[in-house]
Protein backbone atom coordinates (compact mmCIF):
# COMPACT_ATOMS: atom_id res chain seq x y z
CA MET A 1 -0.10 -0.17 -0.10
CA ALA A 2 1.19 3.54 -1.53
CA SER A 3 1.58 6.03 2.06
CA GLU A 4 0.12 9.46 1.44
CA GLU A 5 3.24 10.63 1.38
CA ARG A 6 4.46 8.58 -1.99
CA LYS A 7 1.27 9.53 -3.59
CA ILE A 8 1.70 13.40 -3.64
CA LEU A 9 5.39 12.31 -4.66
CA GLU A 10 3.73 10.72 -7.74
CA GLN A 11 0.91 13.45 -8.46
CA PHE A 12 3.73 15.93 -8.91
CA LEU A 13 5.70 14.74 -11.26
CA LYS A 14 2.59 13.05 -12.98
CA PRO A 15 2.38 15.64 -15.47
CA LEU A 16 6.14 16.31 -16.08
CA MET A 17 6.38 12.78 -16.76
CA LYS A 18 3.65 12.66 -19.23
CA GLU A 19 4.97 15.03 -20.85
CA LEU A 20 8.07 13.82 -21.27
CA GLY A 21 6.80 10.37 -22.74
CA PHE A 22 6.99 8.32 -19.40
CA LYS A 23 4.31 5.15 -18.93
CA LYS A 24 3.44 5.44 -15.02
CA GLN A 25 3.31 1.70 -13.44
CA GLY A 26 3.33 2.21 -9.49
CA PRO A 27 6.17 4.30 -8.18
CA THR A 28 8.06 3.78 -11.29
CA TRP A 29 7.96 5.32 -14.79
CA HIS A 30 9.27 4.22 -18.04
CA ARG A 31 10.76 5.55 -21.15
CA SER A 32 11.55 3.42 -24.06
CA SER A 33 13.99 4.15 -26.98
CA ALA A 34 15.45 1.99 -29.67
CA ASP A 35 18.53 0.45 -27.01
CA THR A 36 17.39 1.80 -23.73
CA ILE A 37 14.79 1.61 -21.59
CA GLU A 38 14.79 4.55 -18.66
CA VAL A 39 13.93 5.01 -15.42
CA LEU A 40 12.93 6.89 -12.61
CA ASN A 41 11.07 5.43 -9.12
CA ILE A 42 10.37 6.87 -5.99
CA GLN A 43 11.25 4.47 -2.91
CA GLY A 44 10.31 5.40 0.25
CA SER A 45 12.34 4.73 3.33
CA GLN A 46 11.32 1.54 5.76
CA TRP A 47 11.96 3.61 8.72
CA SER A 48 10.83 7.22 8.41
CA LYS A 49 8.72 9.75 6.33
CA ASN A 50 12.33 9.99 3.69
CA PHE A 51 11.72 9.44 0.05
CA TYR A 52 14.65 8.58 -2.48
CA ILE A 53 13.90 9.11 -6.07
CA ASN A 54 16.00 6.42 -8.14
CA LEU A 55 17.12 6.57 -11.78
CA GLY A 56 18.51 3.82 -14.30
CA THR A 57 19.16 3.16 -17.37
CA TYR A 58 18.74 -0.68 -18.87
CA PHE A 59 20.29 -1.52 -22.32
CA LYS A 60 17.79 -3.83 -24.36
CA ALA A 61 20.94 -5.77 -25.44
CA ILE A 62 21.81 -7.21 -22.46
CA GLY A 63 18.37 -7.75 -20.77
CA SER A 64 15.12 -8.55 -21.91
CA ASP A 65 12.65 -6.70 -19.34
CA GLU A 66 9.97 -4.53 -20.98
CA LYS A 67 9.36 -2.59 -17.46
CA PRO A 68 12.40 -3.34 -15.37
CA LYS A 69 12.76 -2.46 -11.74
CA GLU A 70 14.99 0.01 -11.33
CA TYR A 71 17.63 -2.17 -8.89
CA ASP A 72 17.60 -4.17 -12.20
CA CYS A 73 18.95 -1.19 -14.44
CA HIS A 74 22.47 -1.42 -15.90
CA ILE A 75 23.45 2.01 -14.67
CA ARG A 76 21.51 3.43 -12.01
CA GLN A 77 21.66 6.69 -9.50
CA ARG A 78 19.72 8.62 -6.96
CA LEU A 79 18.38 12.19 -7.54
CA CYS A 80 20.45 13.36 -4.76
CA GLY A 81 23.70 12.01 -5.66
CA ILE A 82 23.58 14.42 -8.76
CA THR A 83 21.98 17.75 -7.32
CA ASP A 84 24.19 20.42 -6.69
CA ASP A 85 22.24 20.59 -3.08
CA LEU A 86 22.29 18.01 -1.33
CA ASN A 87 20.84 19.71 1.52
CA GLU A 88 17.71 21.18 -0.45
CA CYS A 89 17.26 17.35 -2.02
CA ASN A 90 16.58 15.46 1.12
CA SER A 91 14.83 18.45 2.81
CA THR A 92 12.61 18.14 -0.51
CA LEU A 93 12.13 14.04 -0.48
CA SER A 94 11.81 14.17 3.46
CA PHE A 95 8.02 14.90 5.10
CA GLU A 96 9.61 14.96 8.76
CA ASN A 97 9.94 18.62 8.07
CA SER A 98 7.45 21.01 7.65
CA ILE A 99 8.36 22.61 3.83
CA LYS A 100 4.63 23.84 2.38
CA LEU A 101 3.27 21.63 -0.16
CA GLU A 102 3.55 24.17 -3.07
CA GLU A 103 7.78 24.34 -2.05
CA ARG A 104 8.23 20.69 -1.98
CA GLU A 105 6.34 20.68 -5.47
CA SER A 106 8.26 23.05 -6.74
CA ASN A 107 11.49 22.27 -5.55
CA LEU A 108 10.82 18.62 -6.76
CA LYS A 109 10.35 19.45 -10.45
CA ARG A 110 13.22 21.77 -10.70
CA LEU A 111 15.31 19.06 -9.34
CA VAL A 112 13.71 16.76 -11.76
CA SER A 113 13.74 18.82 -14.55
CA GLN A 114 17.22 20.18 -14.09
CA PHE A 115 19.07 16.94 -12.83
CA ALA A 116 17.48 13.30 -13.18
CA ILE A 117 15.84 13.86 -17.08
CA PRO A 118 18.97 14.74 -18.18
CA TRP A 119 21.07 12.42 -16.36
CA LEU A 120 18.49 10.06 -17.66
CA GLU A 121 18.65 11.51 -21.12
CA LYS A 122 22.66 10.96 -21.05
CA CYS A 123 23.01 7.34 -20.33
CA ALA A 124 19.85 6.82 -22.74
CA THR A 125 22.38 6.02 -25.48
CA VAL A 126 25.42 3.39 -25.48
CA GLU A 127 28.11 6.38 -25.99
CA GLY A 128 26.48 8.77 -23.78
CA ALA A 129 26.33 6.00 -20.72
CA LYS A 130 30.00 4.53 -21.95
CA ASN A 131 30.77 8.61 -21.66
CA TYR A 132 29.28 9.28 -18.02
CA LEU A 133 30.78 5.97 -16.62
CA LEU A 134 34.33 7.06 -18.05
CA ASN A 135 34.48 10.77 -17.09
CA GLU A 136 32.11 11.28 -14.13
CA LYS A 137 33.29 11.67 -10.67
CA LYS A 138 30.18 10.26 -9.25
CA HIS A 139 28.38 7.78 -10.83
CA GLY A 140 26.59 6.31 -8.44
CA LEU A 141 25.13 2.63 -7.53
CA PRO A 142 27.66 -0.51 -8.33
CA VAL A 143 27.65 -1.36 -12.34
CA ALA A 144 27.57 -5.27 -13.04
CA LYS A 145 31.10 -6.14 -15.48
CA GLN A 146 28.34 -7.56 -17.54
CA THR A 147 27.59 -3.60 -18.28
CA TRP A 148 30.96 -2.78 -18.54
CA GLU A 149 31.80 -5.42 -21.19
CA PHE A 150 28.72 -4.37 -23.10
CA LEU A 151 29.95 -0.69 -22.86
CA GLY A 152 33.53 -1.57 -24.08
CA ILE A 153 35.19 -0.21 -20.89
CA ASN A 154 37.84 -2.56 -19.29
CA HIS A 155 37.34 -1.86 -16.09
CA SER A 156 39.45 -3.93 -13.11
């Protein structure tokens, strides 16, 4: 059962994600291209009223899932890991503070538009994903050996 807070975050993002061509399934949005599936997922903490925006790129050439879970994506990242203001991101995604809903909505839409969508678009091509992994100092969550091999990156 989705929490009221997660439903609020989903409602904030629904128009933007739909406009950008993402399709919603539960707390997750997917957008498919020729080579990849871009994934944005809202995850709630099991211990608090804090949330995470998880991002992922799934390569069709090395997977057969049509609607992959974020944690099954070949490259993964969290929104707060790529923003310019970690405190603002964490505060926006925490319902344990007293931010007004209008401010929370505005912050979330800006953060997703300015950071999440460009990250997803950058990693939505093989070349973009390869450049991201080779050039970014912080590339988020672990990348499977299969992904490095697929992208032709010698990673030891």
